[in-house]
Amino acid sequence: MSDQLEGRRPVLAALRAGRVRALYLADGAHHAIIDDLRLEATRRQIPIEVVPRGRLDAWSSTGKHQGVIADVERPARVGWVQALEAAQRDGRAPFLVALDGIQDPGNLGALIRSAAAFGADAIVIPEVRAAPLNPTVAKAAAGALDHVPVEAVRSLQATLEQAKELGLWLVALAEEGAADLEACRLLTEPVALIIGAEGRGVSRTLRLAADVVVTIDTDVTFGTLNASVAGAIAMHSVRRSRGQER
């Protein structure tokens, strides 16, 4: 099956992953990444069609196509359990990210991008009451969907219970957390990091299921962090605690 993908960097990542079937560029579009797209598509013998920008505007579902739209194959589906098993085979402590009710597509895409950047093995999101994996999410993820599997699950609670049975510790991120994120020793272990939506945060059910609820130390006079920013900080903490910083 195929999908539409928009934006320069997401399409370039999909090209390099071998998923692009056809590339459409706006007439007159100029940018260094546009040149990279042309070169990569030509090298891979992918058809390139230059069309009026207005046609891309009409096709676009994000309104921010940046002069680039591609017809792409969907990424090969890798289940979160398979991804964690692969990490174990590689001798690494599995790192799962669970996103609880993130409804803003931009935040979801940014969190997926951070998860890929900081070495998460897989991401799970609920099938309902959360943003779907649509072109807006893919654009915000900037190609990260080609680097980290994302699986929509029927029940986040049941999925995390299964993760616990597989040996993962559950660490929930919440403003009212009792422990400091930086001092959490569980981050070096097989871990599922639970990140909630802005406002509501991690649900009470998942906070109760967690082995520890952590918080990010911030200036209380400033207020809370954006969900994607807080999530990125927490994911970076996992990477740093494991000595994986470059």
C-alpha atoms as a PDB file:
ATOM      1  CA  MET A   1       0.000   0.000   0.000  1.00  0.00           C
ATOM      2  CA  SER A   2       1.107   3.570  -0.588  1.00  0.00           C
ATOM      3  CA  ASP A   3       0.759   6.906   1.167  1.00  0.00           C
ATOM      4  CA  GLN A   4       1.386  10.542   0.395  1.00  0.00           C
ATOM      5  CA  LEU A   5       4.338  12.160   2.125  1.00  0.00           C
ATOM      6  CA  GLU A   6       5.052  15.899   2.199  1.00  0.00           C
ATOM      7  CA  GLY A   7       8.028  18.072   3.077  1.00  0.00           C
ATOM      8  CA  ARG A   8      11.672  18.094   2.033  1.00  0.00           C
ATOM      9  CA  ARG A   9      13.318  16.197   4.883  1.00  0.00           C
ATOM     10  CA  PRO A  10      10.639  13.511   5.362  1.00  0.00           C
ATOM     11  CA  VAL A  11      10.665  12.755   1.624  1.00  0.00           C
ATOM     12  CA  LEU A  12      14.485  12.675   1.520  1.00  0.00           C
ATOM     13  CA  ALA A  13      14.512  10.189   4.412  1.00  0.00           C
ATOM     14  CA  ALA A  14      11.920   8.042   2.630  1.00  0.00           C
ATOM     15  CA  LEU A  15      13.970   8.195  -0.579  1.00  0.00           C
ATOM     16  CA  ARG A  16      17.060   6.985   1.243  1.00  0.00           C
ATOM     17  CA  ALA A  17      14.993   4.219   2.827  1.00  0.00           C
ATOM     18  CA  GLY A  18      13.881   3.074  -0.631  1.00  0.00           C
ATOM     19  CA  ARG A  19      10.183   3.815  -0.089  1.00  0.00           C
ATOM     20  CA  VAL A  20       9.478   6.510  -2.710  1.00  0.00           C
ATOM     21  CA  ARG A  21       7.566   5.458  -5.822  1.00  0.00           C
ATOM     22  CA  ALA A  22       7.162   8.885  -7.447  1.00  0.00           C
ATOM     23  CA  LEU A  23       8.422  12.383  -6.649  1.00  0.00           C
ATOM     24  CA  TYR A  24       6.551  15.617  -7.387  1.00  0.00           C
ATOM     25  CA  LEU A  25       8.363  18.961  -7.199  1.00  0.00           C
ATOM     26  CA  ALA A  26       6.914  22.441  -7.461  1.00  0.00           C
ATOM     27  CA  ASP A  27       7.972  24.333 -10.559  1.00  0.00           C
ATOM     28  CA  GLY A  28      10.665  26.819  -9.569  1.00  0.00           C
ATOM     29  CA  ALA A  29      11.433  25.223  -6.206  1.00  0.00           C
ATOM     30  CA  HIS A  30      15.066  25.871  -5.232  1.00  0.00           C
ATOM     31  CA  HIS A  31      16.897  24.649  -2.147  1.00  0.00           C
ATOM     32  CA  ALA A  32      19.949  22.531  -1.357  1.00  0.00           C
ATOM     33  CA  ILE A  33      17.652  19.721  -0.173  1.00  0.00           C
ATOM     34  CA  ILE A  34      15.689  19.948  -3.445  1.00  0.00           C
ATOM     35  CA  ASP A  35      18.975  19.277  -5.246  1.00  0.00           C
ATOM     36  CA  ASP A  36      19.599  16.291  -2.940  1.00  0.00           C
ATOM     37  CA  LEU A  37      16.104  14.999  -3.698  1.00  0.00           C
ATOM     38  CA  ARG A  38      16.690  15.231  -7.454  1.00  0.00           C
ATOM     39  CA  LEU A  39      20.053  13.479  -7.222  1.00  0.00           C
ATOM     40  CA  GLU A  40      18.777  10.690  -4.964  1.00  0.00           C
ATOM     41  CA  ALA A  41      15.657  10.109  -7.046  1.00  0.00           C
ATOM     42  CA  THR A  42      17.691  10.053 -10.268  1.00  0.00           C
ATOM     43  CA  ARG A  43      20.191   7.618  -8.764  1.00  0.00           C
ATOM     44  CA  ARG A  44      17.367   5.312  -7.723  1.00  0.00           C
ATOM     45  CA  GLN A  45      15.529   5.756 -11.042  1.00  0.00           C
ATOM     46  CA  ILE A  46      12.462   7.203  -9.305  1.00  0.00           C
ATOM     47  CA  PRO A  47      10.230   9.209 -11.662  1.00  0.00           C
ATOM     48  CA  ILE A  48      10.308  12.967 -11.017  1.00  0.00           C
ATOM     49  CA  GLU A  49       7.490  15.225 -12.169  1.00  0.00           C
ATOM     50  CA  VAL A  50       7.708  19.021 -11.956  1.00  0.00           C
ATOM     51  CA  VAL A  51       4.225  20.487 -11.509  1.00  0.00           C
ATOM     52  CA  PRO A  52       2.753  23.939 -10.813  1.00  0.00           C
ATOM     53  CA  ARG A  53       2.899  24.833  -7.110  1.00  0.00           C
ATOM     54  CA  GLY A  54      -0.863  25.277  -7.127  1.00  0.00           C
ATOM     55  CA  ARG A  55      -1.307  21.604  -7.926  1.00  0.00           C
ATOM     56  CA  LEU A  56       0.780  20.629  -4.895  1.00  0.00           C
ATOM     57  CA  ASP A  57      -1.268  23.070  -2.812  1.00  0.00           C
ATOM     58  CA  ALA A  58      -4.410  21.249  -3.910  1.00  0.00           C
ATOM     59  CA  TRP A  59      -2.921  17.831  -3.130  1.00  0.00           C
ATOM     60  CA  SER A  60      -1.437  18.831   0.219  1.00  0.00           C
ATOM     61  CA  SER A  61      -3.135  17.732   3.422  1.00  0.00           C
ATOM     62  CA  THR A  62      -0.684  19.595   5.691  1.00  0.00           C
ATOM     63  CA  GLY A  63      -0.599  22.939   3.873  1.00  0.00           C
ATOM     64  CA  LYS A  64       3.200  22.899   4.336  1.00  0.00           C
ATOM     65  CA  HIS A  65       4.540  20.719   1.555  1.00  0.00           C
ATOM     66  CA  GLN A  66       7.649  22.924   0.951  1.00  0.00           C
ATOM     67  CA  GLY A  67       7.383  22.262  -2.774  1.00  0.00           C
ATOM     68  CA  VAL A  68       7.744  18.481  -2.347  1.00  0.00           C
ATOM     69  CA  ILE A  69       5.201  15.653  -2.331  1.00  0.00           C
ATOM     70  CA  ALA A  70       5.960  11.976  -2.848  1.00  0.00           C
ATOM     71  CA  ASP A  71       4.013   8.789  -3.370  1.00  0.00           C
ATOM     72  CA  VAL A  72       5.616   6.389  -0.873  1.00  0.00           C
ATOM     73  CA  GLU A  73       5.359   2.803   0.276  1.00  0.00           C
ATOM     74  CA  ARG A  74       4.350   2.489   3.893  1.00  0.00           C
ATOM     75  CA  PRO A  75       7.232   1.520   6.215  1.00  0.00           C
ATOM     76  CA  ALA A  76       7.564  -2.186   6.902  1.00  0.00           C
ATOM     77  CA  ARG A  77       5.638  -2.938  10.073  1.00  0.00           C
ATOM     78  CA  VAL A  78       7.807  -3.992  12.993  1.00  0.00           C
ATOM     79  CA  GLY A  79       5.923  -4.716  16.213  1.00  0.00           C
ATOM     80  CA  TRP A  80       7.158  -3.191  19.451  1.00  0.00           C
ATOM     81  CA  VAL A  81       7.850  -6.628  20.928  1.00  0.00           C
ATOM     82  CA  GLN A  82       9.985  -7.548  17.912  1.00  0.00           C
ATOM     83  CA  ALA A  83      11.899  -4.277  18.257  1.00  0.00           C
ATOM     84  CA  LEU A  84      12.637  -4.905  21.947  1.00  0.00           C
ATOM     85  CA  GLU A  85      13.719  -8.465  21.220  1.00  0.00           C
ATOM     86  CA  ALA A  86      16.126  -7.137  18.580  1.00  0.00           C
ATOM     87  CA  ALA A  87      17.632  -4.775  21.162  1.00  0.00           C
ATOM     88  CA  GLN A  88      18.158  -7.677  23.554  1.00  0.00           C
ATOM     89  CA  ARG A  89      19.857  -9.728  20.832  1.00  0.00           C
ATOM     90  CA  ASP A  90      22.194  -6.782  20.253  1.00  0.00           C
ATOM     91  CA  GLY A  91      23.063  -6.769  23.960  1.00  0.00           C
ATOM     92  CA  ARG A  92      21.255  -3.500  24.687  1.00  0.00           C
ATOM     93  CA  ALA A  93      18.747  -2.687  27.407  1.00  0.00           C
ATOM     94  CA  PRO A  94      15.436  -2.225  25.541  1.00  0.00           C
ATOM     95  CA  PHE A  95      13.979   1.281  25.509  1.00  0.00           C
ATOM     96  CA  LEU A  96      10.250   1.662  24.811  1.00  0.00           C
ATOM     97  CA  VAL A  97       8.422   5.010  24.646  1.00  0.00           C
ATOM     98  CA  ALA A  98       4.698   5.035  25.457  1.00  0.00           C
ATOM     99  CA  LEU A  99       2.788   8.165  24.445  1.00  0.00           C
ATOM    100  CA  ASP A 100      -0.423   8.544  26.414  1.00  0.00           C
ATOM    101  CA  GLY A 101      -3.098  10.532  24.574  1.00  0.00           C
ATOM    102  CA  ILE A 102      -0.936  12.935  22.556  1.00  0.00           C
ATOM    103  CA  GLN A 103      -3.607  14.587  20.402  1.00  0.00           C
ATOM    104  CA  ASP A 104      -1.615  17.369  18.750  1.00  0.00           C
ATOM    105  CA  PRO A 105      -0.056  16.033  15.496  1.00  0.00           C
ATOM    106  CA  GLY A 106       2.886  18.431  15.773  1.00  0.00           C
ATOM    107  CA  ASN A 107       3.718  17.234  19.275  1.00  0.00           C
ATOM    108  CA  LEU A 108       3.356  13.593  18.259  1.00  0.00           C
ATOM    109  CA  GLY A 109       5.683  14.081  15.292  1.00  0.00           C
ATOM    110  CA  ALA A 110       8.220  15.939  17.413  1.00  0.00           C
ATOM    111  CA  LEU A 111       8.176  13.181  20.051  1.00  0.00           C
ATOM    112  CA  ILE A 112       8.714  10.517  17.388  1.00  0.00           C
ATOM    113  CA  ARG A 113      11.639  12.551  16.070  1.00  0.00           C
ATOM    114  CA  SER A 114      13.157  12.801  19.557  1.00  0.00           C
ATOM    115  CA  ALA A 115      12.636   9.080  20.174  1.00  0.00           C
ATOM    116  CA  ALA A 116      14.582   8.262  17.008  1.00  0.00           C
ATOM    117  CA  ALA A 117      17.320  10.751  17.895  1.00  0.00           C
ATOM    118  CA  PHE A 118      17.795   9.416  21.422  1.00  0.00           C
ATOM    119  CA  GLY A 119      17.803   5.725  20.645  1.00  0.00           C
ATOM    120  CA  ALA A 120      14.319   4.455  21.508  1.00  0.00           C
ATOM    121  CA  ASP A 121      13.698   0.988  20.102  1.00  0.00           C
ATOM    122  CA  ALA A 122       9.947   1.426  19.603  1.00  0.00           C
ATOM    123  CA  ILE A 123       6.999   3.705  20.342  1.00  0.00           C
ATOM    124  CA  VAL A 124       3.476   2.701  21.300  1.00  0.00           C
ATOM    125  CA  ILE A 125       0.449   4.974  21.066  1.00  0.00           C
ATOM    126  CA  PRO A 126      -3.243   4.262  21.732  1.00  0.00           C
ATOM    127  CA  GLU A 127      -5.552   3.625  18.793  1.00  0.00           C
ATOM    128  CA  VAL A 128      -8.151   6.061  20.165  1.00  0.00           C
ATOM    129  CA  ARG A 129      -8.017   9.450  21.884  1.00  0.00           C
ATOM    130  CA  ALA A 130      -4.688  10.233  20.238  1.00  0.00           C
ATOM    131  CA  ALA A 131      -3.501  11.809  17.002  1.00  0.00           C
ATOM    132  CA  PRO A 132      -3.412   9.299  14.120  1.00  0.00           C
ATOM    133  CA  LEU A 133      -0.248   8.716  12.100  1.00  0.00           C
ATOM    134  CA  ASN A 134      -1.153  11.081   9.261  1.00  0.00           C
ATOM    135  CA  PRO A 135       0.910  13.257   6.845  1.00  0.00           C
ATOM    136  CA  THR A 136       1.067  16.112   9.395  1.00  0.00           C
ATOM    137  CA  VAL A 137       2.650  13.780  11.954  1.00  0.00           C
ATOM    138  CA  ALA A 138       5.023  12.373   9.333  1.00  0.00           C
ATOM    139  CA  LYS A 139       6.161  15.863   8.324  1.00  0.00           C
ATOM    140  CA  ALA A 140       6.755  16.907  11.955  1.00  0.00           C
ATOM    141  CA  ALA A 141       8.689  13.673  12.508  1.00  0.00           C
ATOM    142  CA  ALA A 142      11.066  14.759   9.711  1.00  0.00           C
ATOM    143  CA  GLY A 143      11.868  11.236   8.520  1.00  0.00           C
ATOM    144  CA  ALA A 144      11.992   9.603  11.964  1.00  0.00           C
ATOM    145  CA  LEU A 145       9.231   7.136  11.031  1.00  0.00           C
ATOM    146  CA  ASP A 146      11.857   5.389   8.900  1.00  0.00           C
ATOM    147  CA  HIS A 147      14.088   4.905  11.947  1.00  0.00           C
ATOM    148  CA  VAL A 148      11.845   3.920  14.859  1.00  0.00           C
ATOM    149  CA  PRO A 149       8.738   1.700  14.674  1.00  0.00           C
ATOM    150  CA  VAL A 150       5.493   3.224  15.942  1.00  0.00           C
ATOM    151  CA  GLU A 151       2.628   0.886  16.805  1.00  0.00           C
ATOM    152  CA  ALA A 152      -0.943   1.889  17.646  1.00  0.00           C
ATOM    153  CA  VAL A 153      -2.285  -0.470  20.313  1.00  0.00           C
ATOM    154  CA  ARG A 154      -5.810  -1.137  21.515  1.00  0.00           C
ATOM    155  CA  SER A 155      -4.941  -0.726  25.199  1.00  0.00           C
ATOM    156  CA  LEU A 156      -1.881   1.177  26.407  1.00  0.00           C
ATOM    157  CA  GLN A 157      -2.392  -0.237  29.894  1.00  0.00           C
ATOM    158  CA  ALA A 158      -2.406  -3.853  28.658  1.00  0.00           C
ATOM    159  CA  THR A 159       0.611  -3.157  26.458  1.00  0.00           C
ATOM    160  CA  LEU A 160       2.588  -1.765  29.387  1.00  0.00           C
ATOM    161  CA  GLU A 161       1.578  -4.707  31.560  1.00  0.00           C
ATOM    162  CA  GLN A 162       3.000  -6.946  28.832  1.00  0.00           C
ATOM    163  CA  ALA A 163       6.159  -4.828  28.722  1.00  0.00           C
ATOM    164  CA  LYS A 164       6.524  -5.326  32.473  1.00  0.00           C
ATOM    165  CA  GLU A 165       6.206  -9.095  32.013  1.00  0.00           C
ATOM    166  CA  LEU A 166       9.009  -8.863  29.446  1.00  0.00           C
ATOM    167  CA  GLY A 167      11.266  -7.333  32.081  1.00  0.00           C
ATOM    168  CA  LEU A 168      10.838  -3.604  31.499  1.00  0.00           C
ATOM    169  CA  TRP A 169      10.515  -1.077  34.318  1.00  0.00           C
ATOM    170  CA  LEU A 170       7.728   1.466  33.869  1.00  0.00           C
ATOM    171  CA  VAL A 171       8.788   5.086  34.393  1.00  0.00           C
ATOM    172  CA  ALA A 172       6.060   7.732  34.072  1.00  0.00           C
ATOM    173  CA  LEU A 173       6.859  11.405  33.535  1.00  0.00           C
ATOM    174  CA  ALA A 174       4.575  13.793  35.436  1.00  0.00           C
ATOM    175  CA  GLU A 175       4.748  17.268  36.923  1.00  0.00           C
ATOM    176  CA  GLU A 176       3.766  15.859  40.332  1.00  0.00           C
ATOM    177  CA  GLY A 177       6.328  13.041  40.212  1.00  0.00           C
ATOM    178  CA  ALA A 178       7.880  12.052  43.523  1.00  0.00           C
ATOM    179  CA  ALA A 179      11.352  11.355  42.114  1.00  0.00           C
ATOM    180  CA  ASP A 180      13.786  13.520  40.169  1.00  0.00           C
ATOM    181  CA  LEU A 181      14.294  12.357  36.580  1.00  0.00           C
ATOM    182  CA  GLU A 182      18.056  12.945  36.752  1.00  0.00           C
ATOM    183  CA  ALA A 183      18.386  10.717  39.821  1.00  0.00           C
ATOM    184  CA  CYS A 184      16.320   7.829  38.452  1.00  0.00           C
ATOM    185  CA  ARG A 185      18.521   4.731  38.375  1.00  0.00           C
ATOM    186  CA  LEU A 186      16.000   2.715  36.385  1.00  0.00           C
ATOM    187  CA  LEU A 187      16.898   4.568  33.181  1.00  0.00           C
ATOM    188  CA  THR A 188      19.923   2.322  32.679  1.00  0.00           C
ATOM    189  CA  GLU A 189      17.677  -0.779  32.868  1.00  0.00           C
ATOM    190  CA  PRO A 190      15.193  -2.100  30.287  1.00  0.00           C
ATOM    191  CA  VAL A 191      12.626   0.675  30.520  1.00  0.00           C
ATOM    192  CA  ALA A 192       9.308   1.930  29.194  1.00  0.00           C
ATOM    193  CA  LEU A 193       9.121   5.715  29.452  1.00  0.00           C
ATOM    194  CA  ILE A 194       5.510   6.942  29.675  1.00  0.00           C
ATOM    195  CA  ILE A 195       4.838  10.486  28.450  1.00  0.00           C
ATOM    196  CA  GLY A 196       1.425  12.122  28.706  1.00  0.00           C
ATOM    197  CA  ALA A 197      -0.357  14.855  26.819  1.00  0.00           C
ATOM    198  CA  GLU A 198      -0.226  18.511  27.738  1.00  0.00           C
ATOM    199  CA  GLY A 199      -2.732  19.483  30.389  1.00  0.00           C
ATOM    200  CA  ARG A 200      -4.002  16.018  31.288  1.00  0.00           C
ATOM    201  CA  GLY A 201      -0.582  14.392  31.514  1.00  0.00           C
ATOM    202  CA  VAL A 202      -0.162  10.668  32.121  1.00  0.00           C
ATOM    203  CA  SER A 203      -3.465   9.080  33.110  1.00  0.00           C
ATOM    204  CA  ARG A 204      -4.011   8.118  36.731  1.00  0.00           C
ATOM    205  CA  THR A 205      -4.263   4.432  35.764  1.00  0.00           C
ATOM    206  CA  LEU A 206      -0.837   4.470  34.131  1.00  0.00           C
ATOM    207  CA  ARG A 207       0.730   6.493  36.952  1.00  0.00           C
ATOM    208  CA  LEU A 208      -0.473   3.840  39.401  1.00  0.00           C
ATOM    209  CA  ALA A 209       0.895   1.077  37.176  1.00  0.00           C
ATOM    210  CA  ALA A 210       4.315   2.743  36.926  1.00  0.00           C
ATOM    211  CA  ASP A 211       7.230   1.572  39.058  1.00  0.00           C
ATOM    212  CA  VAL A 212       8.225   5.195  39.570  1.00  0.00           C
ATOM    213  CA  VAL A 213       6.804   8.587  38.629  1.00  0.00           C
ATOM    214  CA  VAL A 214       9.523  11.129  37.863  1.00  0.00           C
ATOM    215  CA  THR A 215       9.524  14.862  37.313  1.00  0.00           C
ATOM    216  CA  ILE A 216      11.821  17.341  35.574  1.00  0.00           C
ATOM    217  CA  ASP A 217      13.338  19.931  37.865  1.00  0.00           C
ATOM    218  CA  THR A 218      12.348  23.344  36.476  1.00  0.00           C
ATOM    219  CA  ASP A 219      11.976  26.909  37.701  1.00  0.00           C
ATOM    220  CA  VAL A 220       8.529  26.807  39.349  1.00  0.00           C
ATOM    221  CA  THR A 221       7.954  30.478  38.521  1.00  0.00           C
ATOM    222  CA  PHE A 222       8.003  29.666  34.813  1.00  0.00           C
ATOM    223  CA  GLY A 223       5.415  26.892  34.649  1.00  0.00           C
ATOM    224  CA  THR A 224       5.177  23.544  32.901  1.00  0.00           C
ATOM    225  CA  LEU A 225       7.008  22.425  29.771  1.00  0.00           C
ATOM    226  CA  ASN A 226       5.468  21.604  26.417  1.00  0.00           C
ATOM    227  CA  ALA A 227       4.827  17.837  26.146  1.00  0.00           C
ATOM    228  CA  SER A 228       7.252  17.358  23.277  1.00  0.00           C
ATOM    229  CA  VAL A 229       9.977  19.354  25.057  1.00  0.00           C
ATOM    230  CA  ALA A 230       9.531  17.468  28.341  1.00  0.00           C
ATOM    231  CA  GLY A 231       9.514  14.172  26.457  1.00  0.00           C
ATOM    232  CA  ALA A 232      12.703  15.072  24.591  1.00  0.00           C
ATOM    233  CA  ILE A 233      14.448  15.957  27.866  1.00  0.00           C
ATOM    234  CA  ALA A 234      13.381  12.662  29.420  1.00  0.00           C
ATOM    235  CA  MET A 235      14.486  10.624  26.401  1.00  0.00           C
ATOM    236  CA  HIS A 236      17.840  12.401  26.369  1.00  0.00           C
ATOM    237  CA  SER A 237      18.216  11.539  30.045  1.00  0.00           C
ATOM    238  CA  VAL A 238      17.798   7.859  29.189  1.00  0.00           C
ATOM    239  CA  ARG A 239      20.491   8.115  26.530  1.00  0.00           C
ATOM    240  CA  ARG A 240      22.866  10.044  28.786  1.00  0.00           C
ATOM    241  CA  SER A 241      22.362   7.709  31.770  1.00  0.00           C
ATOM    242  CA  ARG A 242      23.343   4.805  29.527  1.00  0.00           C
ATOM    243  CA  GLY A 243      26.541   6.536  28.447  1.00  0.00           C
ATOM    244  CA  GLN A 244      25.419   6.732  24.832  1.00  0.00           C
ATOM    245  CA  GLU A 245      26.060  10.422  24.242  1.00  0.00           C
ATOM    246  CA  ARG A 246      28.285  11.127  21.290  1.00  0.00           C
END
